[in-house]
Protein backbone atom coordinates (compact mmCIF):
# COMPACT_ATOMS: atom_id res chain seq x y z
CA MET A 1 138.94 168.94 217.56
CA LYS A 2 137.49 170.82 220.47
CA ASN A 3 133.95 169.78 219.47
CA LYS A 4 135.03 166.15 219.20
CA ALA A 5 136.46 166.27 222.73
CA ILE A 6 133.22 167.73 224.08
CA MET A 7 131.18 165.03 222.36
CA LEU A 8 133.45 162.33 223.77
CA VAL A 9 133.04 163.64 227.32
CA LEU A 10 129.23 163.79 226.95
CA SER A 11 129.12 160.28 225.54
CA ILE A 12 131.16 158.92 228.46
CA ALA A 13 128.87 160.73 230.94
CA ILE A 14 125.72 159.35 229.34
CA ILE A 15 127.06 155.81 229.21
CA SER A 16 128.21 156.05 232.85
CA SER A 17 124.79 157.27 234.00
CA LEU A 18 123.07 154.42 232.14
CA VAL A 19 125.37 151.91 233.82
CA VAL A 20 124.59 153.39 237.24
CA ILE A 21 120.85 153.35 236.55
CA GLY A 22 121.01 149.78 235.32
CA CYS A 23 122.84 148.63 238.44
CA ALA A 24 120.65 150.51 240.93
CA LYS A 25 117.93 148.61 242.88
CA PRO A 26 114.35 149.42 241.92
CA ALA A 27 112.46 151.72 244.27
CA PRO A 28 110.48 149.72 246.87
CA GLY A 29 106.71 149.34 246.21
CA PRO A 30 103.97 149.50 248.85
CA THR A 31 104.29 146.96 251.69
CA PRO A 32 101.74 144.13 251.24
CA GLU A 33 98.92 144.23 253.84
CA LYS A 34 99.53 141.61 256.52
CA PRO A 35 96.51 139.32 257.06
CA VAL A 36 94.59 139.95 260.28
CA GLU A 37 94.31 136.71 262.21
CA ILE A 38 90.87 135.99 263.70
CA ILE A 39 90.45 133.15 266.20
CA PHE A 40 86.82 131.99 266.37
CA GLN A 41 85.38 129.58 268.94
CA ALA A 42 82.14 127.77 268.09
CA GLU A 43 79.43 126.48 270.41
CA HIS A 44 77.55 123.89 268.39
CA PRO A 45 78.82 120.42 267.37
CA ARG A 46 80.37 120.04 263.91
CA PRO A 47 77.84 117.42 262.73
CA GLN A 48 74.90 119.72 263.51
CA PHE A 49 73.06 121.13 260.48
CA LEU A 50 73.47 124.67 261.84
CA THR A 51 77.25 124.33 261.91
CA VAL A 52 77.54 122.78 258.47
CA HIS A 53 75.14 125.12 256.68
CA ALA A 54 75.46 128.42 258.55
CA ILE A 55 78.25 128.81 261.11
CA GLU A 56 81.24 127.32 259.26
CA PRO A 57 80.43 128.93 255.89
CA TRP A 58 80.03 132.31 257.59
CA VAL A 59 83.27 132.12 259.56
CA MET A 60 85.49 130.60 256.89
CA GLY A 61 83.88 132.64 254.12
CA PHE A 62 85.55 135.81 255.39
CA GLU A 63 88.97 134.59 254.25
CA GLY A 64 87.92 134.25 250.62
CA LYS A 65 85.69 137.33 250.57
CA SER A 66 88.55 139.42 251.96
CA VAL A 67 90.98 137.91 249.40
CA GLY A 68 93.11 136.54 252.23
CA ARG A 69 93.27 139.75 254.24
CA LEU A 70 91.36 138.05 257.06
CA LYS A 71 92.90 134.78 258.21
CA MET A 72 90.28 132.70 260.03
CA PHE A 73 91.00 130.00 262.63
CA TYR A 74 87.98 127.87 263.65
CA TYR A 75 87.92 126.08 267.03
CA ASP A 76 85.21 123.90 268.52
CA ARG A 77 83.50 124.49 271.87
CA ASN A 78 86.05 124.88 274.71
CA GLY A 79 88.85 124.71 272.13
CA VAL A 80 90.47 127.97 273.27
CA VAL A 81 88.66 128.96 276.48
CA PRO A 82 85.84 127.44 278.56
CA ARG A 83 82.51 128.29 276.96
CA GLU A 84 81.34 130.00 280.18
CA GLY A 85 84.09 132.60 279.84
CA LEU A 86 83.99 133.22 276.10
CA MET A 87 82.42 136.69 276.19
CA ASP A 88 85.10 138.04 278.50
CA ALA A 89 87.82 136.24 276.55
CA VAL A 90 86.68 138.09 273.42
CA ALA A 91 86.65 141.37 275.35
CA ASP A 92 90.21 140.65 276.50
CA ASN A 93 91.30 139.72 272.94
CA ILE A 94 92.32 136.20 273.95
CA LEU A 95 90.30 135.27 270.89
CA GLN A 96 88.62 137.64 268.50
CA MET A 97 85.21 136.15 267.74
CA GLY A 98 82.86 133.42 268.93
CA VAL A 99 79.37 132.20 269.78
CA VAL A 100 78.16 132.75 273.34
CA PRO A 101 75.12 131.00 274.85
CA LEU A 102 73.81 133.82 277.03
CA VAL A 103 71.96 131.46 279.38
CA MET A 104 75.33 130.20 280.60
CA GLU A 105 75.47 133.26 282.86
CA PRO A 106 71.96 133.70 284.31
CA GLY A 107 71.11 137.31 285.10
CA ARG A 108 74.00 138.89 283.18
CA TYR A 109 71.95 139.54 280.01
CA PRO A 110 68.47 139.78 281.54
CA LEU A 111 66.48 141.23 278.64
CA SER A 112 67.72 138.51 276.26
CA GLU A 113 65.73 136.06 278.39
CA VAL A 114 62.56 137.23 276.63
CA VAL A 115 63.06 134.57 273.93
CA SER A 116 63.01 131.93 276.69
CA LEU A 117 59.52 132.93 277.75
CA PRO A 118 56.79 130.54 276.57
CA PHE A 119 55.40 130.91 273.06
CA THR A 120 57.00 134.20 272.00
CA ALA A 121 57.75 133.14 268.39
CA ALA A 122 56.65 130.48 265.91
CA SER A 123 60.12 129.37 264.76
CA SER A 124 63.82 129.70 265.39
CA THR A 125 64.08 131.80 262.22
CA ILE A 126 61.54 134.30 263.54
CA SER A 127 62.89 134.32 267.10
CA SER A 128 66.46 134.88 265.85
CA LEU A 129 65.36 137.94 263.86
CA VAL A 130 63.33 139.14 266.84
CA ALA A 131 66.36 138.91 269.14
CA TRP A 132 68.53 140.94 266.76
CA HIS A 133 65.74 143.49 266.32
CA LEU A 134 65.41 143.91 270.09
CA TYR A 135 69.18 144.37 270.44
CA GLN A 136 68.99 147.24 267.98
CA GLU A 137 65.84 148.77 269.49
CA PHE A 138 66.65 148.78 273.22
CA PRO A 139 69.78 150.46 274.62
CA GLU A 140 69.17 148.61 277.90
CA TRP A 141 69.65 145.34 276.03
CA ARG A 142 72.91 146.53 274.48
CA ALA A 143 74.20 147.91 277.79
CA ALA A 144 74.50 144.39 279.26
CA PHE A 145 77.48 143.58 277.02
CA PRO A 146 81.12 144.53 277.74
CA GLU A 147 82.28 147.77 276.10
CA ASP A 148 85.22 145.94 274.53
CA VAL A 149 83.04 143.69 272.37
CA LYS A 150 81.02 144.45 269.27
CA ILE A 151 77.96 142.22 268.95
CA LEU A 152 77.73 141.12 265.33
CA THR A 153 74.35 139.44 265.66
CA HIS A 154 72.01 137.35 267.78
CA PHE A 155 70.35 134.06 267.00
CA VAL A 156 68.45 131.55 269.09
CA SER A 157 68.36 127.80 269.62
CA ALA A 158 65.96 125.42 267.95
CA SER A 159 62.57 125.31 269.66
CA PHE A 160 62.28 123.38 272.93
CA GLN A 161 60.36 120.10 272.79
CA ILE A 162 59.73 117.19 275.18
CA HIS A 163 61.88 114.07 274.67
CA THR A 164 61.22 110.92 276.74
CA VAL A 165 62.71 107.45 277.06
CA ASP A 166 59.95 104.98 277.96
CA LYS A 167 56.62 106.57 277.03
CA PRO A 168 55.20 109.37 274.90
CA ILE A 169 53.77 112.51 276.46
CA THR A 170 50.27 113.08 275.06
CA THR A 171 48.63 114.76 278.08
CA VAL A 172 49.80 117.17 280.75
CA ASP A 173 49.13 114.54 283.40
CA ASP A 174 51.66 112.22 281.72
CA LEU A 175 54.41 114.50 283.03
CA LYS A 176 53.31 114.41 286.66
CA GLY A 177 55.90 112.75 288.87
CA MET A 178 58.33 112.10 286.01
CA LYS A 179 62.02 112.77 286.55
CA MET A 180 62.75 115.29 283.80
CA ILE A 181 65.84 117.28 282.86
CA GLY A 182 65.67 120.97 282.01
CA ILE A 183 68.75 122.37 280.31
CA ASN A 184 68.29 125.88 281.70
CA ALA A 185 66.44 127.61 284.54
CA TRP A 186 63.43 128.32 282.34
CA ALA A 187 63.00 124.68 281.35
CA VAL A 188 63.32 123.62 284.99
CA ASP A 189 60.60 126.13 285.98
CA VAL A 190 58.26 124.91 283.23
CA LEU A 191 58.71 121.29 284.25
CA GLY A 192 57.98 122.14 287.87
CA LYS A 193 54.78 123.99 286.96
CA VAL A 194 53.37 121.02 285.03
CA GLY A 195 54.03 118.57 287.87
CA ALA A 196 57.27 116.90 286.80
CA ILE A 197 60.24 116.37 289.12
CA PRO A 198 62.80 118.62 287.45
CA SER A 199 66.58 118.60 287.57
CA PHE A 200 69.17 120.63 285.70
CA ALA A 201 71.85 119.40 283.30
CA HIS A 202 73.80 121.07 280.51
CA MET A 203 72.89 119.82 277.05
CA PRO A 204 76.17 117.86 276.58
CA ASP A 205 75.32 115.85 279.73
CA VAL A 206 71.72 114.93 278.85
CA TYR A 207 72.60 111.74 276.96
CA GLU A 208 74.63 110.33 279.85
CA ASN A 209 71.93 111.17 282.40
CA LEU A 210 69.22 109.50 280.33
CA SER A 211 71.30 106.47 279.37
CA LYS A 212 72.13 105.83 283.04
CA GLY A 213 68.50 106.11 284.13
CA MET A 214 69.07 109.28 286.15
CA ALA A 215 66.09 110.88 284.39
CA GLU A 216 63.17 109.78 282.21
CA GLY A 217 63.27 112.58 279.69
CA ALA A 218 64.33 116.12 278.88
CA LEU A 219 62.90 119.47 277.87
CA CYS A 220 65.46 120.81 275.42
CA PRO A 221 65.90 122.12 271.86
CA LEU A 222 65.23 119.70 269.04
CA ALA A 223 68.30 120.44 266.91
CA PRO A 224 71.06 118.94 269.11
CA VAL A 225 69.04 115.84 270.08
CA ARG A 226 70.54 113.84 267.23
CA ALA A 227 74.01 115.43 267.24
CA MET A 228 74.44 114.84 270.98
CA LYS A 229 73.06 111.26 270.85
CA VAL A 230 69.99 112.01 273.01
CA ALA A 231 67.81 110.50 270.26
CA GLU A 232 69.57 107.17 270.76
CA VAL A 233 67.89 106.77 274.17
CA ALA A 234 64.89 109.12 273.98
CA LYS A 235 62.66 107.71 271.24
CA TYR A 236 59.49 109.70 272.01
CA HIS A 237 59.20 113.36 271.07
CA THR A 238 56.28 115.66 271.86
CA ILE A 239 56.19 118.84 269.77
CA ILE A 240 55.17 121.89 271.81
CA ASN A 241 57.40 124.65 270.31
CA LEU A 242 57.84 126.09 273.79
CA CYS A 243 60.72 128.58 273.73
CA TYR A 244 64.34 129.28 272.73
CA ASP A 245 67.78 130.07 274.12
CA CYS A 246 69.53 133.26 273.00
CA PHE A 247 73.06 133.33 271.55
CA ALA A 248 75.31 136.31 270.84
CA VAL A 249 78.16 136.53 268.33
CA PRO A 250 80.73 138.96 269.77
CA MET A 251 83.90 140.31 268.17
CA ASN A 252 86.67 142.16 269.93
CA ARG A 253 85.89 145.84 269.39
CA GLY A 254 89.52 146.97 269.14
CA VAL A 255 90.26 144.39 266.46
CA PHE A 256 87.12 145.34 264.51
CA GLU A 257 87.78 149.07 264.70
CA GLY A 258 91.42 148.53 263.71
CA LEU A 259 90.42 146.93 260.42
CA PRO A 260 90.38 148.91 257.16
CA ALA A 261 86.95 150.38 256.43
CA ASP A 262 86.18 147.90 253.65
CA LEU A 263 86.83 144.91 255.92
CA GLN A 264 84.65 146.42 258.64
CA GLN A 265 81.92 146.81 256.04
CA LEU A 266 82.38 143.22 254.86
CA ILE A 267 81.90 141.85 258.39
CA THR A 268 78.92 144.12 259.01
CA ASP A 269 77.25 143.18 255.71
CA GLU A 270 77.67 139.44 256.33
CA SER A 271 76.43 139.61 259.94
CA GLY A 272 73.36 141.32 261.45
CA SER A 273 69.95 140.14 260.25
CA LYS A 274 71.46 138.24 257.29
CA PHE A 275 73.42 135.88 259.53
CA SER A 276 70.71 135.86 262.20
CA GLU A 277 68.16 134.56 259.70
CA ALA A 278 70.64 132.05 258.25
CA CYS A 279 71.26 130.58 261.71
CA GLY A 280 67.57 130.46 262.60
CA LYS A 281 66.66 128.78 259.34
CA GLY A 282 69.59 126.39 259.68
CA LEU A 283 68.21 125.31 263.05
CA ASP A 284 64.66 124.96 261.77
CA GLU A 285 65.64 123.04 258.64
CA GLY A 286 68.17 120.95 260.55
CA SER A 287 65.52 120.03 263.09
CA LEU A 288 63.23 118.81 260.31
CA GLU A 289 66.03 116.77 258.77
CA ASP A 290 66.81 115.24 262.16
CA CYS A 291 63.13 114.42 262.73
CA GLN A 292 63.15 112.34 259.56
CA TRP A 293 66.34 110.58 260.66
CA MET A 294 64.79 109.86 264.08
CA ILE A 295 61.65 108.40 262.51
CA GLU A 296 63.79 106.16 260.31
CA ASN A 297 65.62 105.02 263.45
CA GLY A 298 62.58 104.18 265.55
CA GLY A 299 61.61 107.60 266.88
CA SER A 300 57.97 108.70 267.23
CA PHE A 301 56.52 112.21 267.26
CA TYR A 302 53.40 113.40 269.03
CA LYS A 303 51.52 116.58 269.88
CA LEU A 304 49.10 117.56 272.62
CA SER A 305 45.44 117.86 271.68
CA PRO A 306 44.05 121.43 271.63
CA GLY A 307 42.46 120.87 275.04
CA GLU A 308 45.65 119.48 276.58
CA MET A 309 47.70 122.26 274.99
CA GLU A 310 45.41 124.83 276.58
CA LYS A 311 45.98 123.20 280.00
CA PHE A 312 49.72 123.35 279.39
CA VAL A 313 49.57 127.02 278.38
CA GLN A 314 47.51 128.00 281.40
CA LEU A 315 49.96 126.35 283.77
CA ILE A 316 53.09 128.00 282.40
CA MET A 317 51.95 131.35 280.98
CA PRO A 318 52.34 133.13 284.37
CA LEU A 319 56.11 132.86 283.78
CA ARG A 320 55.78 135.78 281.36
CA GLN A 321 54.39 138.22 283.89
CA ASP A 322 56.73 136.98 286.61
CA TRP A 323 59.63 137.86 284.30
CA VAL A 324 58.18 141.28 283.44
CA ALA A 325 57.79 142.08 287.14
CA GLU A 326 61.38 141.00 287.81
CA MET A 327 62.72 143.16 284.97
CA GLU A 328 60.68 146.21 285.98
CA ALA A 329 61.91 145.85 289.58
CA LYS A 330 65.46 146.12 288.18
CA GLY A 331 64.56 149.28 286.27
CA LEU A 332 64.53 147.46 282.92
CA PRO A 333 61.74 147.77 280.31
CA GLY A 334 60.51 144.18 280.57
CA GLN A 335 56.96 144.83 279.41
CA ALA A 336 58.08 146.96 276.46
CA VAL A 337 60.59 144.29 275.37
CA LEU A 338 58.00 141.51 275.63
CA ASP A 339 55.39 143.54 273.76
CA GLU A 340 57.82 144.37 270.96
CA ALA A 341 58.99 140.75 270.76
CA LEU A 342 55.41 139.56 270.29
CA ARG A 343 54.55 142.35 267.85
CA TYR A 344 57.60 141.93 265.64
CA GLY A 345 57.38 138.13 265.73
CA ALA A 346 53.75 138.28 264.56
CA GLU A 347 54.74 140.73 261.82
CA LEU A 348 57.47 138.41 260.55
CA GLU A 349 55.14 135.42 260.62
CA ALA A 350 52.50 137.38 258.64
CA GLN A 351 55.20 138.25 256.09
CA GLY A 352 55.87 134.56 255.51
CA THR A 353 59.14 134.21 257.43
CA TYR A 354 60.02 130.53 257.67
CA VAL A 355 58.07 128.31 260.09
CA PRO A 356 58.68 124.54 259.91
CA THR A 357 55.92 121.95 260.13
CA TYR A 358 57.09 119.08 262.32
CA PRO A 359 55.86 115.51 261.88
CA THR A 360 53.37 114.29 264.49
CA GLU A 361 51.14 111.24 264.77
């Protein structure tokens, strides 16, 4: 009887414990990782080949490659902050990532101006890789950027060409006395040295200036000529492959360093020279595609003869040494940067890095 009582008590205890366990809430699992929101502001128009084939896939690709742990928000130029203030806005974490045209603030990033010197690289692809290489090689280049940003890469514009409304440019003398727009200080200087009457306008304003007869042509990159409607009024295009503008892709350093190590590695792996080359090639290939569109819509392409090109070179090449002297006077290694830009660009070209062949008559 005593044993039966003991067994009854144990049975009741076991049943009671099972009931308690069955009613208890399961232990909480690990808290899901909250997505990190990244606001990105672009610089180039959505229809442009570069945007479609390089910029947008790079930005929006992070969301899928991170399995949703990075939440990307893509805004067009001036969509969050004025483009002139984008670098500082990234430093202040108003937005976390963007594309900055460094020429928007003349003198702030002086060594990056080397890509704007005449004839430093054979293509946008090569010049983009050169710019990123120089960033890595020269601490003086890196020191120009705010401490609170991490530069993910550099790339450059499409090559600068001559675009005119009423007549083609086939000799240097054709430019003398013409009212021409330069979209940065370098383009304005070049136009002045070859005898044109230069004025300055930002690229988004070139179409309006030409359509209203305020100028007869422009010295500007080839890639945005179609996207920004310049090709609708400027039907003549002279290929000179003059120079480039430099762009930086900054990310807020605190946001980057606050990411888990694998997400930092993902951004690093997808940026740098990989993204630099993708942007450069996107600009080169997009320019070729736009050339074909322009030809189909009444555009004509020309080039200077070897003799005329030599005249052009002789007139503008002193800009290189003027820039070197200016940099050296500021205590910056201008000559070393120029020499390395030319050396590395030639090395890339010899390796077969992409160089487009533009149509000319």
